[in-house]
Amino acid sequence: SVKGLDEVQAVAPYHSGRALLNVEARSHGAH
C-alpha cells in the first residue's frame, strides 16, 4: 500500500527488539 507513494524512496519489513549482549564478563544492552 505504501510502495507506490511518490514520497517513499525505499520500503522494507523489519523486526526489532531490545536485548542484552554478553561476552564473558562484559555485557551491554542494544537495540
ModelCIF file with pLDDT and N, C-alpha, C, O atoms, coordinates in Angstrom:
data_MODEL
#
_entry.id   MODEL 
#
_entity.id                         1 
_entity.type                       polymer 
_entity.pdbx_number_of_molecules   1 
#
_entity_poly.entity_id                      1 
_entity_poly.type                           'polypeptide(L)' 
_entity_poly.nstd_linkage                   no 
_entity_poly.nstd_monomer                   no 
_entity_poly.pdbx_seq_one_letter_code       SVKGLDEVQAVAPYHSGRALLNVEARSHGAH 
_entity_poly.pdbx_seq_one_letter_code_can   SVKGLDEVQAVAPYHSGRALLNVEARSHGAH 
_entity_poly.pdbx_strand_id                 A 
#
loop_
_entity_poly_seq.entity_id 
_entity_poly_seq.num 
_entity_poly_seq.mon_id 
_entity_poly_seq.hetero 
1 1  SER n 
1 2  VAL n 
1 3  LYS n 
1 4  GLY n 
1 5  LEU n 
1 6  ASP n 
1 7  GLU n 
1 8  VAL n 
1 9  GLN n 
1 10 ALA n 
1 11 VAL n 
1 12 ALA n 
1 13 PRO n 
1 14 TYR n 
1 15 HIS n 
1 16 SER n 
1 17 GLY n 
1 18 ARG n 
1 19 ALA n 
1 20 LEU n 
1 21 LEU n 
1 22 ASN n 
1 23 VAL n 
1 24 GLU n 
1 25 ALA n 
1 26 ARG n 
1 27 SER n 
1 28 HIS n 
1 29 GLY n 
1 30 ALA n 
1 31 HIS n 
#
_struct_asym.id          A 
_struct_asym.entity_id   1 
#
loop_
_ma_qa_metric.id 
_ma_qa_metric.mode 
_ma_qa_metric.name 
_ma_qa_metric.software_group_id 
_ma_qa_metric.type 
1 global pLDDT . pLDDT 
2 local  pLDDT . pLDDT 
#
_ma_qa_metric_global.metric_id      1 
_ma_qa_metric_global.metric_value   94.06 
_ma_qa_metric_global.model_id       1 
_ma_qa_metric_global.ordinal_id     1 
#
loop_
_ma_qa_metric_local.label_asym_id 
_ma_qa_metric_local.label_comp_id 
_ma_qa_metric_local.label_seq_id 
_ma_qa_metric_local.metric_id 
_ma_qa_metric_local.metric_value 
_ma_qa_metric_local.model_id 
_ma_qa_metric_local.ordinal_id 
A SER 1  2 93.00 1 1  
A VAL 2  2 93.00 1 2  
A LYS 3  2 90.00 1 3  
A GLY 4  2 85.00 1 4  
A LEU 5  2 91.00 1 5  
A ASP 6  2 91.00 1 6  
A GLU 7  2 92.00 1 7  
A VAL 8  2 93.00 1 8  
A GLN 9  2 92.00 1 9  
A ALA 10 2 94.00 1 10 
A VAL 11 2 95.00 1 11 
A ALA 12 2 96.00 1 12 
A PRO 13 2 96.00 1 13 
A TYR 14 2 96.00 1 14 
A HIS 15 2 97.00 1 15 
A SER 16 2 96.00 1 16 
A GLY 17 2 95.00 1 17 
A ARG 18 2 95.00 1 18 
A ALA 19 2 95.00 1 19 
A LEU 20 2 95.00 1 20 
A LEU 21 2 97.00 1 21 
A ASN 22 2 96.00 1 22 
A VAL 23 2 96.00 1 23 
A GLU 24 2 93.00 1 24 
A ALA 25 2 91.00 1 25 
A ARG 26 2 95.00 1 26 
A SER 27 2 95.00 1 27 
A HIS 28 2 96.00 1 28 
A GLY 29 2 95.00 1 29 
A ALA 30 2 96.00 1 30 
A HIS 31 2 96.00 1 31 
#
loop_
_atom_site.group_PDB 
_atom_site.id 
_atom_site.type_symbol 
_atom_site.label_atom_id 
_atom_site.label_alt_id 
_atom_site.label_comp_id 
_atom_site.label_asym_id 
_atom_site.label_entity_id 
_atom_site.label_seq_id 
_atom_site.pdbx_PDB_ins_code 
_atom_site.Cartn_x 
_atom_site.Cartn_y 
_atom_site.Cartn_z 
_atom_site.occupancy 
_atom_site.B_iso_or_equiv 
_atom_site.pdbx_formal_charge 
_atom_site.auth_seq_id 
_atom_site.auth_comp_id 
_atom_site.auth_asym_id 
_atom_site.auth_atom_id 
_atom_site.pdbx_PDB_model_num 
ATOM 1   N N  . SER A 1 1  ? 0.812  -1.222  0.000  1.00 93.00 ? 1  SER A N  1 
ATOM 2   C CA . SER A 1 1  ? 0.000  0.000   0.000  1.00 93.00 ? 1  SER A CA 1 
ATOM 3   C C  . SER A 1 1  ? 0.847  1.274   0.000  1.00 93.00 ? 1  SER A C  1 
ATOM 4   O O  . SER A 1 1  ? 0.384  2.323   -0.449 1.00 93.00 ? 1  SER A O  1 
ATOM 5   N N  . VAL A 1 2  ? 2.085  1.191   0.501  1.00 93.00 ? 2  VAL A N  1 
ATOM 6   C CA . VAL A 1 2  ? 2.922  2.400   0.583  1.00 93.00 ? 2  VAL A CA 1 
ATOM 7   C C  . VAL A 1 2  ? 4.045  2.414   -0.459 1.00 93.00 ? 2  VAL A C  1 
ATOM 8   O O  . VAL A 1 2  ? 4.695  3.440   -0.657 1.00 93.00 ? 2  VAL A O  1 
ATOM 9   N N  . LYS A 1 3  ? 4.268  1.307   -1.107 1.00 90.00 ? 3  LYS A N  1 
ATOM 10  C CA . LYS A 1 3  ? 5.402  1.182   -2.024 1.00 90.00 ? 3  LYS A CA 1 
ATOM 11  C C  . LYS A 1 3  ? 5.313  2.142   -3.212 1.00 90.00 ? 3  LYS A C  1 
ATOM 12  O O  . LYS A 1 3  ? 6.340  2.619   -3.695 1.00 90.00 ? 3  LYS A O  1 
ATOM 13  N N  . GLY A 1 4  ? 4.114  2.427   -3.680 1.00 85.00 ? 4  GLY A N  1 
ATOM 14  C CA . GLY A 1 4  ? 3.966  3.265   -4.859 1.00 85.00 ? 4  GLY A CA 1 
ATOM 15  C C  . GLY A 1 4  ? 3.809  4.745   -4.578 1.00 85.00 ? 4  GLY A C  1 
ATOM 16  O O  . GLY A 1 4  ? 3.621  5.529   -5.508 1.00 85.00 ? 4  GLY A O  1 
ATOM 17  N N  . LEU A 1 5  ? 3.881  5.144   -3.319 1.00 91.00 ? 5  LEU A N  1 
ATOM 18  C CA . LEU A 1 5  ? 3.723  6.558   -2.982 1.00 91.00 ? 5  LEU A CA 1 
ATOM 19  C C  . LEU A 1 5  ? 4.912  7.370   -3.472 1.00 91.00 ? 5  LEU A C  1 
ATOM 20  O O  . LEU A 1 5  ? 6.051  6.909   -3.403 1.00 91.00 ? 5  LEU A O  1 
ATOM 21  N N  . ASP A 1 6  ? 4.651  8.580   -3.968 1.00 91.00 ? 6  ASP A N  1 
ATOM 22  C CA . ASP A 1 6  ? 5.711  9.424   -4.530 1.00 91.00 ? 6  ASP A CA 1 
ATOM 23  C C  . ASP A 1 6  ? 6.752  9.814   -3.483 1.00 91.00 ? 6  ASP A C  1 
ATOM 24  O O  . ASP A 1 6  ? 7.921  10.006  -3.815 1.00 91.00 ? 6  ASP A O  1 
ATOM 25  N N  . GLU A 1 7  ? 6.339  9.931   -2.228 1.00 92.00 ? 7  GLU A N  1 
ATOM 26  C CA . GLU A 1 7  ? 7.254  10.385  -1.181 1.00 92.00 ? 7  GLU A CA 1 
ATOM 27  C C  . GLU A 1 7  ? 8.206  9.291   -0.704 1.00 92.00 ? 7  GLU A C  1 
ATOM 28  O O  . GLU A 1 7  ? 9.214  9.578   -0.058 1.00 92.00 ? 7  GLU A O  1 
ATOM 29  N N  . VAL A 1 8  ? 7.886  8.041   -1.022 1.00 93.00 ? 8  VAL A N  1 
ATOM 30  C CA . VAL A 1 8  ? 8.634  6.906   -0.487 1.00 93.00 ? 8  VAL A CA 1 
ATOM 31  C C  . VAL A 1 8  ? 9.787  6.524   -1.418 1.00 93.00 ? 8  VAL A C  1 
ATOM 32  O O  . VAL A 1 8  ? 9.584  6.235   -2.598 1.00 93.00 ? 8  VAL A O  1 
ATOM 33  N N  . GLN A 1 9  ? 10.990 6.531   -0.866 1.00 92.00 ? 9  GLN A N  1 
ATOM 34  C CA . GLN A 1 9  ? 12.174 6.155   -1.639 1.00 92.00 ? 9  GLN A CA 1 
ATOM 35  C C  . GLN A 1 9  ? 12.442 4.652   -1.558 1.00 92.00 ? 9  GLN A C  1 
ATOM 36  O O  . GLN A 1 9  ? 12.787 4.020   -2.556 1.00 92.00 ? 9  GLN A O  1 
ATOM 37  N N  . ALA A 1 10 ? 12.280 4.091   -0.365 1.00 94.00 ? 10 ALA A N  1 
ATOM 38  C CA . ALA A 1 10 ? 12.515 2.654   -0.187 1.00 94.00 ? 10 ALA A CA 1 
ATOM 39  C C  . ALA A 1 10 ? 11.646 2.154   0.963  1.00 94.00 ? 10 ALA A C  1 
ATOM 40  O O  . ALA A 1 10 ? 11.315 2.903   1.882  1.00 94.00 ? 10 ALA A O  1 
ATOM 41  N N  . VAL A 1 11 ? 11.279 0.861   0.892  1.00 95.00 ? 11 VAL A N  1 
ATOM 42  C CA . VAL A 1 11 ? 10.428 0.259   1.907  1.00 95.00 ? 11 VAL A CA 1 
ATOM 43  C C  . VAL A 1 11 ? 10.889 -1.173  2.144  1.00 95.00 ? 11 VAL A C  1 
ATOM 44  O O  . VAL A 1 11 ? 11.312 -1.858  1.213  1.00 95.00 ? 11 VAL A O  1 
ATOM 45  N N  . ALA A 1 12 ? 10.804 -1.627  3.408  1.00 96.00 ? 12 ALA A N  1 
ATOM 46  C CA . ALA A 1 12 ? 11.239 -2.985  3.731  1.00 96.00 ? 12 ALA A CA 1 
ATOM 47  C C  . ALA A 1 12 ? 10.614 -3.414  5.053  1.00 96.00 ? 12 ALA A C  1 
ATOM 48  O O  . ALA A 1 12 ? 10.293 -2.570  5.889  1.00 96.00 ? 12 ALA A O  1 
ATOM 49  N N  . PRO A 1 13 ? 10.439 -4.726  5.249  1.00 96.00 ? 13 PRO A N  1 
ATOM 50  C CA . PRO A 1 13 ? 9.926  -5.217  6.534  1.00 96.00 ? 13 PRO A CA 1 
ATOM 51  C C  . PRO A 1 13 ? 11.019 -5.149  7.604  1.00 96.00 ? 13 PRO A C  1 
ATOM 52  O O  . PRO A 1 13 ? 12.207 -5.103  7.285  1.00 96.00 ? 13 PRO A O  1 
ATOM 53  N N  . TYR A 1 14 ? 10.610 -5.144  8.867  1.00 96.00 ? 14 TYR A N  1 
ATOM 54  C CA . TYR A 1 14 ? 11.590 -5.164  9.958  1.00 96.00 ? 14 TYR A CA 1 
ATOM 55  C C  . TYR A 1 14 ? 11.008 -5.906  11.159 1.00 96.00 ? 14 TYR A C  1 
ATOM 56  O O  . TYR A 1 14 ? 9.792  -6.038  11.300 1.00 96.00 ? 14 TYR A O  1 
ATOM 57  N N  . HIS A 1 15 ? 11.893 -6.380  12.009 1.00 97.00 ? 15 HIS A N  1 
ATOM 58  C CA . HIS A 1 15 ? 11.536 -6.993  13.287 1.00 97.00 ? 15 HIS A CA 1 
ATOM 59  C C  . HIS A 1 15 ? 12.617 -6.559  14.269 1.00 97.00 ? 15 HIS A C  1 
ATOM 60  O O  . HIS A 1 15 ? 13.783 -6.913  14.095 1.00 97.00 ? 15 HIS A O  1 
ATOM 61  N N  . SER A 1 16 ? 12.251 -5.802  15.295 1.00 96.00 ? 16 SER A N  1 
ATOM 62  C CA . SER A 1 16 ? 13.247 -5.241  16.200 1.00 96.00 ? 16 SER A CA 1 
ATOM 63  C C  . SER A 1 16 ? 12.879 -5.455  17.656 1.00 96.00 ? 16 SER A C  1 
ATOM 64  O O  . SER A 1 16 ? 11.716 -5.684  17.990 1.00 96.00 ? 16 SER A O  1 
ATOM 65  N N  . GLY A 1 17 ? 13.881 -5.379  18.516 1.00 95.00 ? 17 GLY A N  1 
ATOM 66  C CA . GLY A 1 17 ? 13.656 -5.533  19.947 1.00 95.00 ? 17 GLY A CA 1 
ATOM 67  C C  . GLY A 1 17 ? 14.923 -5.251  20.722 1.00 95.00 ? 17 GLY A C  1 
ATOM 68  O O  . GLY A 1 17 ? 16.010 -5.155  20.152 1.00 95.00 ? 17 GLY A O  1 
ATOM 69  N N  . ARG A 1 18 ? 14.771 -5.120  22.026 1.00 95.00 ? 18 ARG A N  1 
ATOM 70  C CA . ARG A 1 18 ? 15.909 -4.903  22.912 1.00 95.00 ? 18 ARG A CA 1 
ATOM 71  C C  . ARG A 1 18 ? 16.491 -6.241  23.337 1.00 95.00 ? 18 ARG A C  1 
ATOM 72  O O  . ARG A 1 18 ? 15.780 -7.241  23.439 1.00 95.00 ? 18 ARG A O  1 
ATOM 73  N N  . ALA A 1 19 ? 17.793 -6.242  23.582 1.00 95.00 ? 19 ALA A N  1 
ATOM 74  C CA . ALA A 1 19 ? 18.460 -7.463  24.029 1.00 95.00 ? 19 ALA A CA 1 
ATOM 75  C C  . ALA A 1 19 ? 19.713 -7.098  24.819 1.00 95.00 ? 19 ALA A C  1 
ATOM 76  O O  . ALA A 1 19 ? 20.211 -5.974  24.752 1.00 95.00 ? 19 ALA A O  1 
ATOM 77  N N  . LEU A 1 20 ? 20.205 -8.079  25.569 1.00 95.00 ? 20 LEU A N  1 
ATOM 78  C CA . LEU A 1 20 ? 21.445 -7.920  26.317 1.00 95.00 ? 20 LEU A CA 1 
ATOM 79  C C  . LEU A 1 20 ? 22.525 -8.732  25.622 1.00 95.00 ? 20 LEU A C  1 
ATOM 80  O O  . LEU A 1 20 ? 22.346 -9.924  25.373 1.00 95.00 ? 20 LEU A O  1 
ATOM 81  N N  . LEU A 1 21 ? 23.648 -8.090  25.307 1.00 97.00 ? 21 LEU A N  1 
ATOM 82  C CA . LEU A 1 21 ? 24.765 -8.760  24.646 1.00 97.00 ? 21 LEU A CA 1 
ATOM 83  C C  . LEU A 1 21 ? 25.844 -9.072  25.677 1.00 97.00 ? 21 LEU A C  1 
ATOM 84  O O  . LEU A 1 21 ? 26.287 -8.189  26.412 1.00 97.00 ? 21 LEU A O  1 
ATOM 85  N N  . ASN A 1 22 ? 26.262 -10.333 25.724 1.00 96.00 ? 22 ASN A N  1 
ATOM 86  C CA . ASN A 1 22 ? 27.259 -10.784 26.700 1.00 96.00 ? 22 ASN A CA 1 
ATOM 87  C C  . ASN A 1 22 ? 28.471 -11.382 26.007 1.00 96.00 ? 22 ASN A C  1 
ATOM 88  O O  . ASN A 1 22 ? 28.348 -12.148 25.050 1.00 96.00 ? 22 ASN A O  1 
ATOM 89  N N  . VAL A 1 23 ? 29.639 -11.018 26.507 1.00 96.00 ? 23 VAL A N  1 
ATOM 90  C CA . VAL A 1 23 ? 30.895 -11.647 26.095 1.00 96.00 ? 23 VAL A CA 1 
ATOM 91  C C  . VAL A 1 23 ? 31.728 -11.817 27.357 1.00 96.00 ? 23 VAL A C  1 
ATOM 92  O O  . VAL A 1 23 ? 32.300 -10.857 27.874 1.00 96.00 ? 23 VAL A O  1 
ATOM 93  N N  . GLU A 1 24 ? 31.787 -13.052 27.845 1.00 93.00 ? 24 GLU A N  1 
ATOM 94  C CA . GLU A 1 24 ? 32.474 -13.350 29.103 1.00 93.00 ? 24 GLU A CA 1 
ATOM 95  C C  . GLU A 1 24 ? 31.893 -12.462 30.215 1.00 93.00 ? 24 GLU A C  1 
ATOM 96  O O  . GLU A 1 24 ? 30.696 -12.533 30.491 1.00 93.00 ? 24 GLU A O  1 
ATOM 97  N N  . ALA A 1 25 ? 32.721 -11.631 30.852 1.00 91.00 ? 25 ALA A N  1 
ATOM 98  C CA . ALA A 1 25 ? 32.240 -10.808 31.965 1.00 91.00 ? 25 ALA A CA 1 
ATOM 99  C C  . ALA A 1 25 ? 31.708 -9.460  31.510 1.00 91.00 ? 25 ALA A C  1 
ATOM 100 O O  . ALA A 1 25 ? 31.247 -8.668  32.333 1.00 91.00 ? 25 ALA A O  1 
ATOM 101 N N  . ARG A 1 26 ? 31.764 -9.182  30.192 1.00 95.00 ? 26 ARG A N  1 
ATOM 102 C CA . ARG A 1 26 ? 31.319 -7.890  29.673 1.00 95.00 ? 26 ARG A CA 1 
ATOM 103 C C  . ARG A 1 26 ? 29.915 -8.024  29.088 1.00 95.00 ? 26 ARG A C  1 
ATOM 104 O O  . ARG A 1 26 ? 29.583 -9.027  28.457 1.00 95.00 ? 26 ARG A O  1 
ATOM 105 N N  . SER A 1 27 ? 29.095 -6.991  29.310 1.00 95.00 ? 27 SER A N  1 
ATOM 106 C CA . SER A 1 27 ? 27.736 -7.009  28.774 1.00 95.00 ? 27 SER A CA 1 
ATOM 107 C C  . SER A 1 27 ? 27.269 -5.589  28.496 1.00 95.00 ? 27 SER A C  1 
ATOM 108 O O  . SER A 1 27 ? 27.748 -4.633  29.106 1.00 95.00 ? 27 SER A O  1 
ATOM 109 N N  . HIS A 1 28 ? 26.335 -5.465  27.576 1.00 96.00 ? 28 HIS A N  1 
ATOM 110 C CA . HIS A 1 28 ? 25.776 -4.158  27.245 1.00 96.00 ? 28 HIS A CA 1 
ATOM 111 C C  . HIS A 1 28 ? 24.453 -4.361  26.512 1.00 96.00 ? 28 HIS A C  1 
ATOM 112 O O  . HIS A 1 28 ? 24.317 -5.287  25.713 1.00 96.00 ? 28 HIS A O  1 
ATOM 113 N N  . GLY A 1 29 ? 23.475 -3.490  26.787 1.00 95.00 ? 29 GLY A N  1 
ATOM 114 C CA . GLY A 1 29 ? 22.200 -3.554  26.104 1.00 95.00 ? 29 GLY A CA 1 
ATOM 115 C C  . GLY A 1 29 ? 22.297 -2.989  24.703 1.00 95.00 ? 29 GLY A C  1 
ATOM 116 O O  . GLY A 1 29 ? 23.148 -2.145  24.421 1.00 95.00 ? 29 GLY A O  1 
ATOM 117 N N  . ALA A 1 30 ? 21.418 -3.459  23.821 1.00 96.00 ? 30 ALA A N  1 
ATOM 118 C CA . ALA A 1 30 ? 21.424 -2.980  22.432 1.00 96.00 ? 30 ALA A CA 1 
ATOM 119 C C  . ALA A 1 30 ? 20.025 -3.101  21.841 1.00 96.00 ? 30 ALA A C  1 
ATOM 120 O O  . ALA A 1 30 ? 19.215 -3.928  22.257 1.00 96.00 ? 30 ALA A O  1 
ATOM 121 N N  . HIS A 1 31 ? 19.775 -2.251  20.863 1.00 96.00 ? 31 HIS A N  1 
ATOM 122 C CA . HIS A 1 31 ? 18.545 -2.341  20.084 1.00 96.00 ? 31 HIS A CA 1 
ATOM 123 C C  . HIS A 1 31 ? 18.884 -3.069  18.786 1.00 96.00 ? 31 HIS A C  1 
ATOM 124 O O  . HIS A 1 31 ? 18.007 -3.275  17.946 1.00 96.00 ? 31 HIS A O  1 
#
